[in-house]
Amino acid sequence: MKSEKITAIILAGGASRRMGNQDKAWSDYNGKPMIQHVIDTVGAQVDHIIISCSQNSQRFQSLPYPYCIDMEPGFQGPLTGIASCAPYVNTDHVFVVPCDMPLLPSDIVQRLKETLGNNLMAIPHDGARNQHLVFLCKTQVIDSIIYYLSSGKKSVNRWVSGQSPVIADFSADAEAFLNVNTRVQLC
């Protein structure tokens, strides 16, 4: 039985090519791993956390959260990570966020929930663009990922756009959506 609570899926299974294949989740940013920044911000706003990871899961065993290894090997993209976690979600809402956004607003989930209302999905707009890989949705929405992937598609932007998301204005917090993709950004 599902509750009105929220499960966060933290995406930590990317190949990190622009980071020189260094595991971004565990890369130090201002004194702690990037994933810990995300957990510290999101943990107080949600009821459950699930970590989506690829084959390299040993380090995630140190965290007090369940983790799911991608159902398809070889870094198939964030939608595969979300779909891999979906069977373990027992709440009505899911908040999805990548592990490499260490500056997220401390009220992001609440603001997205207020924007969501009776819609299926809400995504933030940082004043310049929509942040397609950060969203709050009703759990039934993520079930559609399997069908989307089975058609050979992998684009997060197209899948999210196809859900007709409502947009939350985060233009005053544009810097909060810093996506750390290179070693230079860690300094």
N, C-alpha and C. Protein backbone atom coordinates (compact mmCIF):
# COMPACT_ATOMS: atom_id res chain seq x y z
N MET A 1 0.84 -1.18 0.00
CA MET A 1 0.00 0.00 0.00
C MET A 1 0.88 1.25 0.00
N LYS A 2 0.58 2.17 -0.85
CA LYS A 2 1.38 3.40 -0.95
C LYS A 2 0.84 4.45 0.00
N SER A 3 1.74 5.35 0.41
CA SER A 3 1.33 6.45 1.28
C SER A 3 1.55 7.76 0.55
N GLU A 4 1.13 8.85 1.15
CA GLU A 4 1.32 10.17 0.55
C GLU A 4 2.76 10.66 0.72
N LYS A 5 3.62 9.83 1.18
CA LYS A 5 5.00 10.21 1.43
C LYS A 5 5.80 10.27 0.12
N ILE A 6 7.05 10.71 0.25
CA ILE A 6 7.91 10.91 -0.93
C ILE A 6 9.17 10.07 -0.81
N THR A 7 9.51 9.39 -1.89
CA THR A 7 10.78 8.67 -2.00
C THR A 7 11.69 9.45 -2.93
N ALA A 8 12.93 9.65 -2.52
CA ALA A 8 13.92 10.27 -3.39
C ALA A 8 14.74 9.18 -4.06
N ILE A 9 14.95 9.34 -5.35
CA ILE A 9 15.89 8.48 -6.08
C ILE A 9 17.06 9.38 -6.44
N ILE A 10 18.22 9.05 -5.89
CA ILE A 10 19.44 9.81 -6.18
C ILE A 10 20.22 9.04 -7.23
N LEU A 11 20.40 9.67 -8.38
CA LEU A 11 21.08 9.03 -9.51
C LEU A 11 22.59 9.13 -9.34
N ALA A 12 23.23 7.98 -9.16
CA ALA A 12 24.67 7.94 -8.94
C ALA A 12 25.33 6.85 -9.78
N GLY A 13 24.79 6.60 -10.96
CA GLY A 13 25.29 5.49 -11.75
C GLY A 13 25.89 5.86 -13.09
N GLY A 14 26.21 7.12 -13.27
CA GLY A 14 26.75 7.55 -14.56
C GLY A 14 28.20 7.14 -14.78
N ALA A 15 28.62 7.23 -16.01
CA ALA A 15 29.99 6.84 -16.38
C ALA A 15 31.01 7.90 -16.00
N SER A 16 30.59 9.13 -15.76
CA SER A 16 31.47 10.23 -15.36
C SER A 16 32.60 10.46 -16.37
N ARG A 17 32.27 10.41 -17.65
CA ARG A 17 33.30 10.57 -18.69
C ARG A 17 33.99 11.93 -18.61
N ARG A 18 33.19 13.00 -18.40
CA ARG A 18 33.79 14.34 -18.33
C ARG A 18 34.59 14.54 -17.05
N MET A 19 34.43 13.65 -16.09
CA MET A 19 35.18 13.71 -14.85
C MET A 19 36.38 12.76 -14.92
N GLY A 20 36.70 12.29 -16.12
CA GLY A 20 37.81 11.36 -16.29
C GLY A 20 37.50 10.00 -15.70
N ASN A 21 36.24 9.60 -15.73
CA ASN A 21 35.75 8.33 -15.20
C ASN A 21 35.91 8.20 -13.69
N GLN A 22 36.17 9.32 -13.01
CA GLN A 22 36.22 9.35 -11.55
C GLN A 22 34.78 9.29 -11.05
N ASP A 23 34.50 8.51 -10.04
CA ASP A 23 33.14 8.36 -9.52
C ASP A 23 32.66 9.67 -8.92
N LYS A 24 31.74 10.34 -9.62
CA LYS A 24 31.28 11.67 -9.18
C LYS A 24 30.64 11.63 -7.80
N ALA A 25 29.89 10.61 -7.52
CA ALA A 25 29.20 10.55 -6.23
C ALA A 25 30.16 10.70 -5.06
N TRP A 26 31.35 10.14 -5.22
CA TRP A 26 32.31 10.13 -4.12
C TRP A 26 33.41 11.18 -4.28
N SER A 27 33.28 12.03 -5.28
CA SER A 27 34.25 13.12 -5.47
C SER A 27 34.03 14.18 -4.40
N ASP A 28 35.12 14.65 -3.84
CA ASP A 28 35.07 15.64 -2.76
C ASP A 28 34.66 17.01 -3.30
N TYR A 29 33.66 17.60 -2.68
CA TYR A 29 33.22 18.95 -3.00
C TYR A 29 33.05 19.69 -1.67
N ASN A 30 33.87 20.68 -1.45
CA ASN A 30 33.84 21.45 -0.19
C ASN A 30 33.89 20.56 1.05
N GLY A 31 34.77 19.57 1.01
CA GLY A 31 35.03 18.78 2.21
C GLY A 31 34.23 17.51 2.40
N LYS A 32 33.32 17.21 1.49
CA LYS A 32 32.61 15.93 1.62
C LYS A 32 32.17 15.45 0.24
N PRO A 33 31.87 14.16 0.13
CA PRO A 33 31.45 13.62 -1.17
C PRO A 33 30.19 14.32 -1.68
N MET A 34 30.12 14.49 -3.00
CA MET A 34 28.96 15.17 -3.58
C MET A 34 27.66 14.49 -3.20
N ILE A 35 27.64 13.17 -3.18
CA ILE A 35 26.39 12.48 -2.84
C ILE A 35 25.95 12.83 -1.43
N GLN A 36 26.90 13.08 -0.54
CA GLN A 36 26.54 13.42 0.83
C GLN A 36 25.88 14.80 0.89
N HIS A 37 26.34 15.73 0.05
CA HIS A 37 25.67 17.04 -0.02
C HIS A 37 24.20 16.86 -0.41
N VAL A 38 23.97 16.03 -1.42
CA VAL A 38 22.60 15.80 -1.90
C VAL A 38 21.77 15.12 -0.81
N ILE A 39 22.33 14.11 -0.17
CA ILE A 39 21.62 13.40 0.91
C ILE A 39 21.29 14.37 2.04
N ASP A 40 22.25 15.20 2.42
CA ASP A 40 22.02 16.13 3.53
C ASP A 40 20.90 17.11 3.21
N THR A 41 20.81 17.55 1.97
CA THR A 41 19.77 18.49 1.57
C THR A 41 18.42 17.80 1.40
N VAL A 42 18.41 16.68 0.72
CA VAL A 42 17.17 16.00 0.37
C VAL A 42 16.62 15.16 1.52
N GLY A 43 17.50 14.59 2.32
CA GLY A 43 17.08 13.67 3.39
C GLY A 43 16.04 14.24 4.33
N ALA A 44 16.15 15.52 4.64
CA ALA A 44 15.19 16.15 5.55
C ALA A 44 13.86 16.45 4.87
N GLN A 45 13.80 16.33 3.56
CA GLN A 45 12.60 16.70 2.81
C GLN A 45 11.79 15.51 2.32
N VAL A 46 12.35 14.32 2.43
CA VAL A 46 11.66 13.12 1.93
C VAL A 46 11.58 12.06 3.02
N ASP A 47 10.81 11.03 2.76
CA ASP A 47 10.62 9.97 3.73
C ASP A 47 11.54 8.77 3.51
N HIS A 48 11.94 8.57 2.25
CA HIS A 48 12.80 7.45 1.90
C HIS A 48 13.80 7.90 0.83
N ILE A 49 14.96 7.27 0.84
CA ILE A 49 15.98 7.52 -0.18
C ILE A 49 16.40 6.18 -0.76
N ILE A 50 16.49 6.15 -2.09
CA ILE A 50 17.06 5.00 -2.80
C ILE A 50 18.16 5.55 -3.69
N ILE A 51 19.31 4.90 -3.70
CA ILE A 51 20.44 5.29 -4.53
C ILE A 51 20.44 4.42 -5.78
N SER A 52 20.48 5.06 -6.93
CA SER A 52 20.60 4.35 -8.20
C SER A 52 22.07 4.33 -8.58
N CYS A 53 22.62 3.14 -8.76
CA CYS A 53 24.04 3.04 -9.11
C CYS A 53 24.24 2.01 -10.22
N SER A 54 25.41 2.07 -10.82
CA SER A 54 25.72 1.10 -11.87
C SER A 54 26.40 -0.11 -11.22
N GLN A 55 27.27 -0.73 -11.91
CA GLN A 55 27.90 -1.95 -11.41
C GLN A 55 28.74 -1.72 -10.16
N ASN A 56 29.34 -0.56 -10.00
CA ASN A 56 30.25 -0.28 -8.89
C ASN A 56 29.45 0.13 -7.65
N SER A 57 29.00 -0.85 -6.88
CA SER A 57 28.11 -0.55 -5.76
C SER A 57 28.76 -0.68 -4.39
N GLN A 58 30.00 -1.12 -4.30
CA GLN A 58 30.61 -1.38 -3.01
C GLN A 58 30.60 -0.16 -2.08
N ARG A 59 30.89 1.01 -2.60
CA ARG A 59 30.95 2.20 -1.74
C ARG A 59 29.57 2.57 -1.20
N PHE A 60 28.52 2.24 -1.91
CA PHE A 60 27.18 2.60 -1.48
C PHE A 60 26.72 1.77 -0.29
N GLN A 61 27.40 0.65 -0.04
CA GLN A 61 27.06 -0.18 1.12
C GLN A 61 27.32 0.56 2.43
N SER A 62 28.17 1.59 2.38
CA SER A 62 28.47 2.35 3.60
C SER A 62 27.35 3.33 3.96
N LEU A 63 26.43 3.56 3.05
CA LEU A 63 25.33 4.49 3.31
C LEU A 63 24.14 3.74 3.92
N PRO A 64 23.37 4.41 4.77
CA PRO A 64 22.24 3.74 5.41
C PRO A 64 20.97 3.72 4.55
N TYR A 65 21.15 3.63 3.24
CA TYR A 65 20.02 3.65 2.31
C TYR A 65 20.13 2.48 1.36
N PRO A 66 19.00 1.97 0.91
CA PRO A 66 19.08 0.92 -0.11
C PRO A 66 19.61 1.49 -1.42
N TYR A 67 20.24 0.64 -2.18
CA TYR A 67 20.72 1.04 -3.49
C TYR A 67 20.30 -0.01 -4.51
N CYS A 68 20.11 0.45 -5.73
CA CYS A 68 19.70 -0.44 -6.81
C CYS A 68 20.73 -0.36 -7.92
N ILE A 69 21.17 -1.51 -8.36
CA ILE A 69 22.09 -1.58 -9.48
C ILE A 69 21.26 -1.55 -10.76
N ASP A 70 21.72 -0.80 -11.75
CA ASP A 70 20.99 -0.68 -13.01
C ASP A 70 20.65 -2.05 -13.58
N MET A 71 19.41 -2.17 -14.08
CA MET A 71 18.96 -3.45 -14.64
C MET A 71 19.64 -3.78 -15.95
N GLU A 72 20.20 -2.77 -16.60
CA GLU A 72 20.95 -2.98 -17.84
C GLU A 72 22.38 -2.52 -17.62
N PRO A 73 23.37 -3.37 -17.88
CA PRO A 73 24.77 -2.98 -17.68
C PRO A 73 25.25 -1.99 -18.74
N GLY A 74 26.35 -1.33 -18.43
CA GLY A 74 27.00 -0.50 -19.43
C GLY A 74 26.54 0.94 -19.48
N PHE A 75 26.12 1.52 -18.38
CA PHE A 75 25.76 2.94 -18.31
C PHE A 75 24.73 3.30 -19.38
N GLN A 76 23.53 2.82 -19.20
CA GLN A 76 22.46 3.03 -20.18
C GLN A 76 21.71 4.34 -20.00
N GLY A 77 22.09 5.12 -19.02
CA GLY A 77 21.49 6.43 -18.84
C GLY A 77 20.60 6.52 -17.62
N PRO A 78 20.23 7.76 -17.26
CA PRO A 78 19.46 7.99 -16.04
C PRO A 78 18.08 7.35 -16.03
N LEU A 79 17.43 7.25 -17.17
CA LEU A 79 16.11 6.63 -17.17
C LEU A 79 16.18 5.16 -16.77
N THR A 80 17.24 4.49 -17.18
CA THR A 80 17.43 3.09 -16.76
C THR A 80 17.62 3.02 -15.26
N GLY A 81 18.35 3.97 -14.70
CA GLY A 81 18.54 4.01 -13.25
C GLY A 81 17.23 4.22 -12.51
N ILE A 82 16.42 5.15 -12.99
CA ILE A 82 15.12 5.41 -12.36
C ILE A 82 14.23 4.17 -12.46
N ALA A 83 14.17 3.57 -13.64
CA ALA A 83 13.34 2.38 -13.84
C ALA A 83 13.81 1.22 -12.97
N SER A 84 15.12 1.13 -12.73
CA SER A 84 15.65 0.06 -11.88
C SER A 84 15.20 0.22 -10.43
N CYS A 85 15.03 1.46 -10.00
CA CYS A 85 14.60 1.75 -8.62
C CYS A 85 13.09 1.67 -8.45
N ALA A 86 12.34 1.85 -9.52
CA ALA A 86 10.89 1.96 -9.45
C ALA A 86 10.20 0.83 -8.67
N PRO A 87 10.60 -0.43 -8.80
CA PRO A 87 9.89 -1.49 -8.07
C PRO A 87 10.02 -1.37 -6.54
N TYR A 88 10.96 -0.56 -6.07
CA TYR A 88 11.20 -0.44 -4.64
C TYR A 88 10.57 0.82 -4.04
N VAL A 89 9.84 1.55 -4.85
CA VAL A 89 9.17 2.76 -4.39
C VAL A 89 7.78 2.39 -3.86
N ASN A 90 7.51 2.73 -2.61
CA ASN A 90 6.22 2.43 -1.99
C ASN A 90 5.50 3.68 -1.52
N THR A 91 5.74 4.78 -2.20
CA THR A 91 5.10 6.04 -1.86
C THR A 91 4.37 6.57 -3.09
N ASP A 92 3.53 7.55 -2.88
CA ASP A 92 2.78 8.11 -4.00
C ASP A 92 3.60 9.07 -4.86
N HIS A 93 4.68 9.61 -4.30
CA HIS A 93 5.48 10.58 -5.03
C HIS A 93 6.95 10.18 -5.04
N VAL A 94 7.62 10.58 -6.11
CA VAL A 94 9.05 10.32 -6.28
C VAL A 94 9.74 11.64 -6.62
N PHE A 95 10.83 11.89 -5.93
CA PHE A 95 11.69 13.02 -6.24
C PHE A 95 12.97 12.46 -6.82
N VAL A 96 13.33 12.90 -8.01
CA VAL A 96 14.54 12.39 -8.69
C VAL A 96 15.55 13.52 -8.78
N VAL A 97 16.81 13.18 -8.47
CA VAL A 97 17.88 14.17 -8.50
C VAL A 97 19.21 13.45 -8.75
N PRO A 98 20.11 14.07 -9.52
CA PRO A 98 21.44 13.47 -9.71
C PRO A 98 22.33 13.73 -8.49
N CYS A 99 23.34 12.90 -8.33
CA CYS A 99 24.24 13.02 -7.18
C CYS A 99 25.23 14.17 -7.32
N ASP A 100 25.28 14.81 -8.49
CA ASP A 100 26.30 15.82 -8.74
C ASP A 100 25.76 17.25 -8.70
N MET A 101 24.74 17.47 -7.88
CA MET A 101 24.18 18.81 -7.66
C MET A 101 24.28 19.14 -6.17
N PRO A 102 25.47 19.52 -5.72
CA PRO A 102 25.69 19.70 -4.28
C PRO A 102 25.10 20.97 -3.67
N LEU A 103 24.51 21.86 -4.45
CA LEU A 103 24.03 23.13 -3.93
C LEU A 103 22.51 23.28 -3.97
N LEU A 104 21.79 22.21 -4.04
CA LEU A 104 20.33 22.26 -4.15
C LEU A 104 19.69 23.10 -3.05
N PRO A 105 18.57 23.77 -3.36
CA PRO A 105 17.86 24.53 -2.33
C PRO A 105 17.35 23.62 -1.22
N SER A 106 17.38 24.11 0.00
CA SER A 106 16.95 23.30 1.15
C SER A 106 15.44 23.05 1.16
N ASP A 107 14.70 23.74 0.30
CA ASP A 107 13.24 23.55 0.24
C ASP A 107 12.77 23.09 -1.14
N ILE A 108 13.66 22.50 -1.91
CA ILE A 108 13.32 22.15 -3.30
C ILE A 108 12.12 21.20 -3.39
N VAL A 109 12.07 20.18 -2.55
CA VAL A 109 10.98 19.21 -2.63
C VAL A 109 9.66 19.88 -2.27
N GLN A 110 9.65 20.67 -1.22
CA GLN A 110 8.43 21.37 -0.80
C GLN A 110 7.92 22.29 -1.91
N ARG A 111 8.82 23.04 -2.51
CA ARG A 111 8.41 23.97 -3.57
C ARG A 111 7.89 23.22 -4.80
N LEU A 112 8.53 22.12 -5.15
CA LEU A 112 8.04 21.32 -6.27
C LEU A 112 6.67 20.69 -5.93
N LYS A 113 6.50 20.27 -4.69
CA LYS A 113 5.22 19.68 -4.27
C LYS A 113 4.10 20.71 -4.36
N GLU A 114 4.38 21.95 -3.94
CA GLU A 114 3.39 23.02 -4.04
C GLU A 114 3.03 23.30 -5.50
N THR A 115 4.03 23.27 -6.37
CA THR A 115 3.79 23.50 -7.80
C THR A 115 3.05 22.32 -8.43
N LEU A 116 3.35 21.12 -7.98
CA LEU A 116 2.76 19.91 -8.56
C LEU A 116 1.23 19.92 -8.49
N GLY A 117 0.71 20.26 -7.34
CA GLY A 117 -0.75 20.25 -7.19
C GLY A 117 -1.33 18.93 -7.65
N ASN A 118 -2.30 18.96 -8.56
CA ASN A 118 -2.94 17.74 -9.08
C ASN A 118 -2.31 17.25 -10.38
N ASN A 119 -1.20 17.85 -10.77
CA ASN A 119 -0.51 17.45 -12.00
C ASN A 119 0.31 16.19 -11.74
N LEU A 120 0.89 15.63 -12.79
CA LEU A 120 1.67 14.41 -12.66
C LEU A 120 3.15 14.65 -12.38
N MET A 121 3.69 15.80 -12.82
CA MET A 121 5.13 16.05 -12.68
C MET A 121 5.39 17.54 -12.58
N ALA A 122 6.36 17.88 -11.74
CA ALA A 122 6.83 19.27 -11.64
C ALA A 122 8.35 19.27 -11.76
N ILE A 123 8.86 20.23 -12.56
CA ILE A 123 10.31 20.38 -12.71
C ILE A 123 10.69 21.84 -12.46
N PRO A 124 11.92 22.05 -11.99
CA PRO A 124 12.35 23.43 -11.76
C PRO A 124 12.87 24.09 -13.03
N HIS A 125 12.69 25.40 -13.10
CA HIS A 125 13.28 26.23 -14.15
C HIS A 125 14.22 27.18 -13.43
N ASP A 126 15.50 27.17 -13.83
CA ASP A 126 16.51 27.95 -13.11
C ASP A 126 16.66 29.38 -13.60
N GLY A 127 15.75 29.83 -14.42
CA GLY A 127 15.82 31.18 -14.98
C GLY A 127 16.38 31.18 -16.39
N ALA A 128 17.11 30.12 -16.74
CA ALA A 128 17.67 29.98 -18.08
C ALA A 128 17.09 28.76 -18.80
N ARG A 129 16.88 27.68 -18.04
CA ARG A 129 16.38 26.47 -18.68
C ARG A 129 15.69 25.56 -17.66
N ASN A 130 14.91 24.65 -18.18
CA ASN A 130 14.29 23.63 -17.34
C ASN A 130 15.36 22.64 -16.90
N GLN A 131 15.25 22.19 -15.68
CA GLN A 131 16.17 21.17 -15.14
C GLN A 131 15.45 19.82 -15.22
N HIS A 132 15.57 19.16 -16.37
CA HIS A 132 14.83 17.92 -16.63
C HIS A 132 15.21 16.74 -15.76
N LEU A 133 16.40 16.77 -15.18
CA LEU A 133 16.84 15.62 -14.39
C LEU A 133 16.58 15.81 -12.90
N VAL A 134 15.87 16.87 -12.55
CA VAL A 134 15.42 17.11 -11.19
C VAL A 134 13.91 17.26 -11.28
N PHE A 135 13.18 16.33 -10.69
CA PHE A 135 11.72 16.45 -10.77
C PHE A 135 11.03 15.73 -9.63
N LEU A 136 9.81 16.16 -9.38
CA LEU A 136 8.92 15.49 -8.45
C LEU A 136 7.73 15.01 -9.28
N CYS A 137 7.37 13.76 -9.10
CA CYS A 137 6.24 13.23 -9.87
C CYS A 137 5.44 12.25 -9.03
N LYS A 138 4.24 11.98 -9.52
CA LYS A 138 3.46 10.89 -8.95
C LYS A 138 4.11 9.59 -9.42
N THR A 139 4.17 8.62 -8.55
CA THR A 139 4.91 7.39 -8.82
C THR A 139 4.46 6.70 -10.10
N GLN A 140 3.18 6.77 -10.43
CA GLN A 140 2.69 6.10 -11.63
C GLN A 140 3.39 6.60 -12.89
N VAL A 141 3.92 7.82 -12.86
CA VAL A 141 4.61 8.39 -14.03
C VAL A 141 5.87 7.60 -14.35
N ILE A 142 6.61 7.19 -13.33
CA ILE A 142 7.88 6.51 -13.62
C ILE A 142 7.66 5.12 -14.21
N ASP A 143 6.46 4.58 -14.04
CA ASP A 143 6.15 3.29 -14.67
C ASP A 143 6.22 3.39 -16.19
N SER A 144 5.99 4.57 -16.74
CA SER A 144 6.02 4.74 -18.20
C SER A 144 7.44 4.69 -18.77
N ILE A 145 8.44 4.77 -17.91
CA ILE A 145 9.83 4.74 -18.40
C ILE A 145 10.14 3.41 -19.08
N ILE A 146 9.66 2.33 -18.54
CA ILE A 146 9.93 1.00 -19.12
C ILE A 146 9.46 0.95 -20.57
N TYR A 147 8.27 1.46 -20.82
CA TYR A 147 7.72 1.45 -22.18
C TYR A 147 8.54 2.38 -23.09
N TYR A 148 8.92 3.51 -22.56
CA TYR A 148 9.73 4.47 -23.31
C TYR A 148 11.07 3.85 -23.70
N LEU A 149 11.74 3.22 -22.74
CA LEU A 149 13.03 2.57 -23.01
C LEU A 149 12.88 1.40 -23.98
N SER A 150 11.79 0.66 -23.87
CA SER A 150 11.61 -0.51 -24.75
C SER A 150 11.41 -0.10 -26.20
N SER A 151 11.07 1.18 -26.42
CA SER A 151 10.93 1.66 -27.80
C SER A 151 12.27 2.13 -28.36
N GLY A 152 13.35 1.96 -27.58
CA GLY A 152 14.68 2.33 -28.05
C GLY A 152 15.07 3.76 -27.74
N LYS A 153 14.22 4.48 -27.05
CA LYS A 153 14.51 5.88 -26.72
C LYS A 153 15.19 5.95 -25.36
N LYS A 154 16.05 6.99 -25.19
CA LYS A 154 16.76 7.17 -23.92
C LYS A 154 16.79 8.62 -23.45
N SER A 155 16.27 9.55 -24.22
CA SER A 155 16.37 10.97 -23.90
C SER A 155 15.52 11.35 -22.68
N VAL A 156 16.18 11.81 -21.63
CA VAL A 156 15.49 12.27 -20.44
C VAL A 156 14.61 13.47 -20.78
N ASN A 157 15.18 14.43 -21.53
CA ASN A 157 14.43 15.64 -21.87
C ASN A 157 13.14 15.31 -22.61
N ARG A 158 13.20 14.40 -23.57
CA ARG A 158 12.00 14.05 -24.33
C ARG A 158 10.98 13.31 -23.48
N TRP A 159 11.48 12.40 -22.63
CA TRP A 159 10.56 11.67 -21.77
C TRP A 159 9.86 12.63 -20.81
N VAL A 160 10.65 13.49 -20.15
CA VAL A 160 10.06 14.46 -19.21
C VAL A 160 9.08 15.37 -19.93
N SER A 161 9.48 15.90 -21.08
CA SER A 161 8.58 16.79 -21.84
C SER A 161 7.28 16.08 -22.21
N GLY A 162 7.37 14.80 -22.49
CA GLY A 162 6.19 14.02 -22.83
C GLY A 162 5.22 13.83 -21.68
N GLN A 163 5.67 14.13 -20.46
CA GLN A 163 4.80 14.02 -19.28
C GLN A 163 4.04 15.32 -19.01
N SER A 164 4.26 16.34 -19.85
CA SER A 164 3.63 17.66 -19.68
C SER A 164 3.81 18.21 -18.27
N PRO A 165 5.08 18.35 -17.85
CA PRO A 165 5.33 18.81 -16.48
C PRO A 165 4.92 20.26 -16.26
N VAL A 166 4.55 20.58 -15.02
CA VAL A 166 4.35 21.97 -14.64
C VAL A 166 5.72 22.50 -14.20
N ILE A 167 5.92 23.78 -14.40
CA ILE A 167 7.24 24.38 -14.17
C ILE A 167 7.24 25.19 -12.88
N ALA A 168 8.22 24.91 -12.03
CA ALA A 168 8.41 25.67 -10.78
C ALA A 168 9.50 26.70 -11.02
N ASP A 169 9.25 27.92 -10.62
CA ASP A 169 10.21 29.00 -10.82
C ASP A 169 11.29 28.99 -9.74
N PHE A 170 12.49 28.65 -10.14
CA PHE A 170 13.65 28.69 -9.26
C PHE A 170 14.68 29.68 -9.79
N SER A 171 14.23 30.68 -10.54
CA SER A 171 15.16 31.62 -11.16
C SER A 171 15.98 32.39 -10.13
N ALA A 172 15.47 32.57 -8.93
CA ALA A 172 16.24 33.24 -7.88
C ALA A 172 17.32 32.33 -7.29
N ASP A 173 17.25 31.03 -7.63
CA ASP A 173 18.20 30.05 -7.10
C ASP A 173 19.00 29.36 -8.21
N ALA A 174 19.28 30.08 -9.29
CA ALA A 174 19.93 29.47 -10.45
C ALA A 174 21.22 28.74 -10.09
N GLU A 175 22.02 29.31 -9.20
CA GLU A 175 23.30 28.70 -8.83
C GLU A 175 23.11 27.37 -8.11
N ALA A 176 21.93 27.15 -7.55
CA ALA A 176 21.66 25.92 -6.81
C ALA A 176 21.65 24.69 -7.72
N PHE A 177 21.55 24.91 -9.02
CA PHE A 177 21.48 23.79 -9.95
C PHE A 177 22.82 23.53 -10.64
N LEU A 178 23.88 24.01 -10.01
CA LEU A 178 25.22 23.70 -10.50
C LEU A 178 25.35 22.20 -10.63
N ASN A 179 25.72 21.74 -11.80
CA ASN A 179 25.91 20.33 -12.09
C ASN A 179 27.41 20.12 -12.25
N VAL A 180 28.03 19.49 -11.29
CA VAL A 180 29.48 19.30 -11.28
C VAL A 180 29.85 18.13 -12.17
N ASN A 181 30.43 18.45 -13.32
CA ASN A 181 30.76 17.42 -14.31
C ASN A 181 32.23 17.27 -14.59
N THR A 182 33.07 18.22 -14.13
CA THR A 182 34.50 18.15 -14.41
C THR A 182 35.30 18.32 -13.12
N ARG A 183 36.54 17.89 -13.15
CA ARG A 183 37.41 18.03 -11.97
C ARG A 183 37.66 19.49 -11.64
N VAL A 184 37.69 20.35 -12.67
CA VAL A 184 37.91 21.78 -12.45
C VAL A 184 36.81 22.35 -11.54
N GLN A 185 35.58 21.89 -11.72
CA GLN A 185 34.46 22.39 -10.93
C GLN A 185 34.54 21.94 -9.47
N LEU A 186 35.34 20.94 -9.17
CA LEU A 186 35.49 20.48 -7.79
C LEU A 186 36.35 21.44 -6.97
N CYS A 187 37.15 22.24 -7.64
CA CYS A 187 38.07 23.14 -6.93
C CYS A 187 37.39 24.40 -6.46
